Amino acid sequence: MQWMFMPLKRYADFSGRSRRMEFWMWQVFQIGLYILVLIFAVLLGGSALMMAGTANGSALAAGGAIFVIFAIYGLYCLAVLIPSLAVAVRRLHDTNRTGWWVLAPIVPYIVLAVAGGIASGSPDSAPAAGILGLVATLALLGSGILLLVFYFLDGTPGTNRYGPDPKGRGEAQIFA
């Protein structure tokens, strides 16, 4: 349980290293919370539909209830954005990679925006924009898979350029 909340204790600490356990337990906590929010939204929305008298009123009540739940969850997501980025950067540091890899999926989104601008320019440029969009989508998928592989890799044993090994490996005691 302590691993799930460790990123909150190290809220905006982008330096150092984080073990796989810290990173993945944080991710499990976030996914579990999201599933609970979805279940609560379905239950609350369904009960609002069943309780209301008229069809229009019940749909409005259900939509309002679900909106409030997801608005609160959206505020929570904004609150944990910095710790989520920080633990991801520290996890990359543990594999001796720069934390800038976290931004790799943003580049294909920029290319997709450019492709959208090209497509809206003239009808003749639509095929080129479609190809550019396909390439950007494949790059987005590839960068996501690459980051996932980096997150699953074991950390560098011993000290690396980002700090000491959080597992304490590679620091043998000579003549101990």
Protein backbone atom coordinates (compact mmCIF):
# COMPACT_ATOMS: atom_id res chain seq x y z
CA MET A 1 0.00 0.00 0.00
CA GLN A 2 2.87 2.38 0.73
CA TRP A 3 4.07 2.04 -2.89
CA MET A 4 0.74 3.38 -4.17
CA PHE A 5 1.08 6.65 -2.31
CA MET A 6 4.83 7.18 -2.59
CA PRO A 7 4.47 9.41 -5.71
CA LEU A 8 2.28 11.74 -3.64
CA LYS A 9 5.00 11.97 -0.99
CA ARG A 10 7.49 12.85 -3.74
CA TYR A 11 4.92 15.16 -5.40
CA ALA A 12 7.07 17.25 -7.76
CA ASP A 13 10.40 15.46 -7.42
CA PHE A 14 11.63 14.89 -10.96
CA SER A 15 15.14 13.93 -9.87
CA GLY A 16 16.39 10.58 -8.71
CA ARG A 17 15.10 7.14 -9.52
CA SER A 18 11.94 5.10 -8.89
CA ARG A 19 11.61 1.35 -8.83
CA ARG A 20 9.17 -0.55 -11.02
CA MET A 21 7.11 -1.33 -7.92
CA GLU A 22 6.53 2.36 -7.18
CA PHE A 23 5.63 3.18 -10.79
CA TRP A 24 3.33 0.22 -11.43
CA MET A 25 1.57 0.35 -8.06
CA TRP A 26 0.82 4.03 -8.77
CA GLN A 27 -0.60 3.00 -12.16
CA VAL A 28 -2.68 0.21 -10.58
CA PHE A 29 -4.05 2.72 -8.06
CA GLN A 30 -4.98 5.18 -10.84
CA ILE A 31 -6.65 2.49 -12.97
CA GLY A 32 -8.51 1.07 -9.96
CA LEU A 33 -9.79 4.51 -9.03
CA TYR A 34 -10.93 5.11 -12.62
CA ILE A 35 -12.84 1.81 -12.62
CA LEU A 36 -14.51 2.77 -9.33
CA VAL A 37 -15.51 6.15 -10.78
CA LEU A 38 -17.01 4.44 -13.83
CA ILE A 39 -18.96 2.00 -11.68
CA PHE A 40 -20.22 4.83 -9.46
CA ALA A 41 -21.23 6.89 -12.51
CA VAL A 42 -23.17 3.96 -13.99
CA LEU A 43 -24.90 3.24 -10.68
CA LEU A 44 -25.75 6.87 -9.98
CA GLY A 45 -26.84 7.55 -13.56
CA GLY A 46 -28.97 4.42 -13.64
CA SER A 47 -30.62 5.19 -10.35
CA ALA A 48 -31.35 8.75 -11.51
CA LEU A 49 -32.99 7.34 -14.63
CA MET A 50 -35.11 4.94 -12.58
CA MET A 51 -36.14 7.49 -9.91
CA ALA A 52 -37.21 10.36 -12.14
CA GLY A 53 -40.83 10.62 -13.22
CA THR A 54 -40.65 11.86 -16.79
CA ALA A 55 -38.39 10.60 -19.55
CA ASN A 56 -36.88 14.02 -20.26
CA GLY A 57 -36.34 14.79 -16.59
CA SER A 58 -34.73 11.45 -15.89
CA ALA A 59 -32.26 11.79 -18.74
CA LEU A 60 -31.39 15.28 -17.55
CA ALA A 61 -30.94 14.10 -13.96
CA ALA A 62 -28.76 11.17 -15.03
CA GLY A 63 -26.66 13.38 -17.27
CA GLY A 64 -26.20 15.95 -14.52
CA ALA A 65 -25.18 13.33 -11.98
CA ILE A 66 -22.68 11.77 -14.33
CA PHE A 67 -21.33 15.20 -15.27
CA VAL A 68 -20.70 16.04 -11.62
CA ILE A 69 -18.88 12.73 -11.03
CA PHE A 70 -16.62 13.20 -14.03
CA ALA A 71 -16.01 16.86 -13.20
CA ILE A 72 -14.76 15.85 -9.75
CA TYR A 73 -12.66 13.08 -11.32
CA GLY A 74 -11.26 15.59 -13.83
CA LEU A 75 -10.16 17.85 -10.97
CA TYR A 76 -8.51 14.84 -9.31
CA CYS A 77 -6.68 14.05 -12.56
CA LEU A 78 -5.35 17.60 -12.68
CA ALA A 79 -4.20 17.30 -9.07
CA VAL A 80 -2.22 14.10 -9.74
CA LEU A 81 -0.82 15.13 -13.13
CA ILE A 82 2.46 16.37 -11.66
CA PRO A 83 3.10 13.30 -9.47
CA SER A 84 2.22 11.04 -12.40
CA LEU A 85 4.72 12.79 -14.66
CA ALA A 86 7.33 12.85 -11.89
CA VAL A 87 7.11 9.11 -11.20
CA ALA A 88 7.28 8.39 -14.94
CA VAL A 89 10.41 10.55 -15.28
CA ARG A 90 12.02 8.90 -12.24
CA ARG A 91 11.16 5.47 -13.67
CA LEU A 92 12.94 6.39 -16.92
CA HIS A 93 15.88 7.65 -14.86
CA ASP A 94 16.06 4.22 -13.21
CA THR A 95 16.62 2.68 -16.65
CA ASN A 96 19.34 5.32 -17.31
CA ARG A 97 17.19 7.23 -19.82
CA THR A 98 16.34 10.88 -19.87
CA GLY A 99 12.93 11.90 -18.60
CA TRP A 100 12.27 13.75 -21.85
CA TRP A 101 11.12 10.41 -23.29
CA VAL A 102 7.80 11.08 -21.52
CA LEU A 103 7.11 13.72 -24.18
CA ALA A 104 7.70 11.35 -27.12
CA PRO A 105 3.96 10.73 -27.77
CA ILE A 106 3.34 14.48 -28.11
CA VAL A 107 5.24 14.74 -31.41
CA PRO A 108 2.75 12.60 -33.39
CA TYR A 109 -0.11 14.77 -32.07
CA ILE A 110 1.63 17.83 -33.50
CA VAL A 111 2.00 16.02 -36.83
CA LEU A 112 -1.70 15.11 -36.70
CA ALA A 113 -2.57 18.77 -36.16
CA VAL A 114 -0.44 19.72 -39.17
CA ALA A 115 -2.14 17.00 -41.23
CA GLY A 116 -5.53 18.41 -40.24
CA GLY A 117 -4.42 21.86 -41.36
CA ILE A 118 -3.23 20.47 -44.67
CA ALA A 119 -6.49 18.60 -45.21
CA SER A 120 -8.58 21.72 -44.60
CA GLY A 121 -6.50 23.73 -47.09
CA SER A 122 -7.72 22.22 -50.33
CA PRO A 123 -9.43 19.03 -51.48
CA ASP A 124 -6.36 18.05 -53.55
CA SER A 125 -4.19 17.82 -50.43
CA ALA A 126 -6.47 15.36 -48.65
CA PRO A 127 -4.55 12.20 -49.73
CA ALA A 128 -1.25 13.66 -48.51
CA ALA A 129 -2.87 14.65 -45.23
CA GLY A 130 -4.33 11.15 -44.89
CA ILE A 131 -0.91 9.55 -45.38
CA LEU A 132 0.64 12.01 -42.93
CA GLY A 133 -2.13 11.20 -40.44
CA LEU A 134 -1.51 7.47 -40.85
CA VAL A 135 2.22 7.91 -40.28
CA ALA A 136 1.55 10.06 -37.20
CA THR A 137 -0.87 7.48 -35.81
CA LEU A 138 1.67 4.70 -36.28
CA ALA A 139 4.34 6.88 -34.65
CA LEU A 140 1.99 7.50 -31.71
CA LEU A 141 1.40 3.78 -31.31
CA GLY A 142 5.13 3.06 -31.62
CA SER A 143 6.14 5.69 -29.08
CA GLY A 144 3.53 4.41 -26.63
CA ILE A 145 4.80 0.84 -26.97
CA LEU A 146 8.40 2.03 -26.62
CA LEU A 147 7.58 3.87 -23.39
CA LEU A 148 5.74 0.82 -22.09
CA VAL A 149 8.83 -1.32 -22.74
CA PHE A 150 11.03 1.25 -20.98
CA TYR A 151 8.71 1.21 -17.96
CA PHE A 152 8.87 -2.59 -17.75
CA LEU A 153 12.67 -2.80 -18.00
CA ASP A 154 14.69 -3.45 -14.86
CA GLY A 155 16.61 -0.50 -13.48
CA THR A 156 20.32 -0.04 -13.94
CA PRO A 157 22.19 -1.92 -11.18
CA GLY A 158 24.30 0.40 -9.07
CA THR A 159 24.61 4.13 -9.37
CA ASN A 160 23.86 5.76 -12.72
CA ARG A 161 23.92 9.41 -13.79
CA TYR A 162 20.57 10.01 -12.06
CA GLY A 163 21.49 8.72 -8.64
CA PRO A 164 21.96 5.61 -6.54
CA ASP A 165 20.10 2.39 -7.18
CA PRO A 166 16.82 2.40 -5.21
CA LYS A 167 17.23 -1.36 -4.69
CA GLY A 168 20.76 -0.93 -3.34
CA ARG A 169 22.29 -3.32 -5.89
CA GLY A 170 25.81 -3.03 -7.23
CA GLU A 171 27.20 -1.33 -4.17
CA ALA A 172 29.25 -4.22 -2.83
CA GLN A 173 31.01 -3.79 0.46
CA ILE A 174 34.70 -4.45 -0.08
CA PHE A 175 36.23 -6.42 2.78
CA ALA A 176 32.94 -6.34 4.65
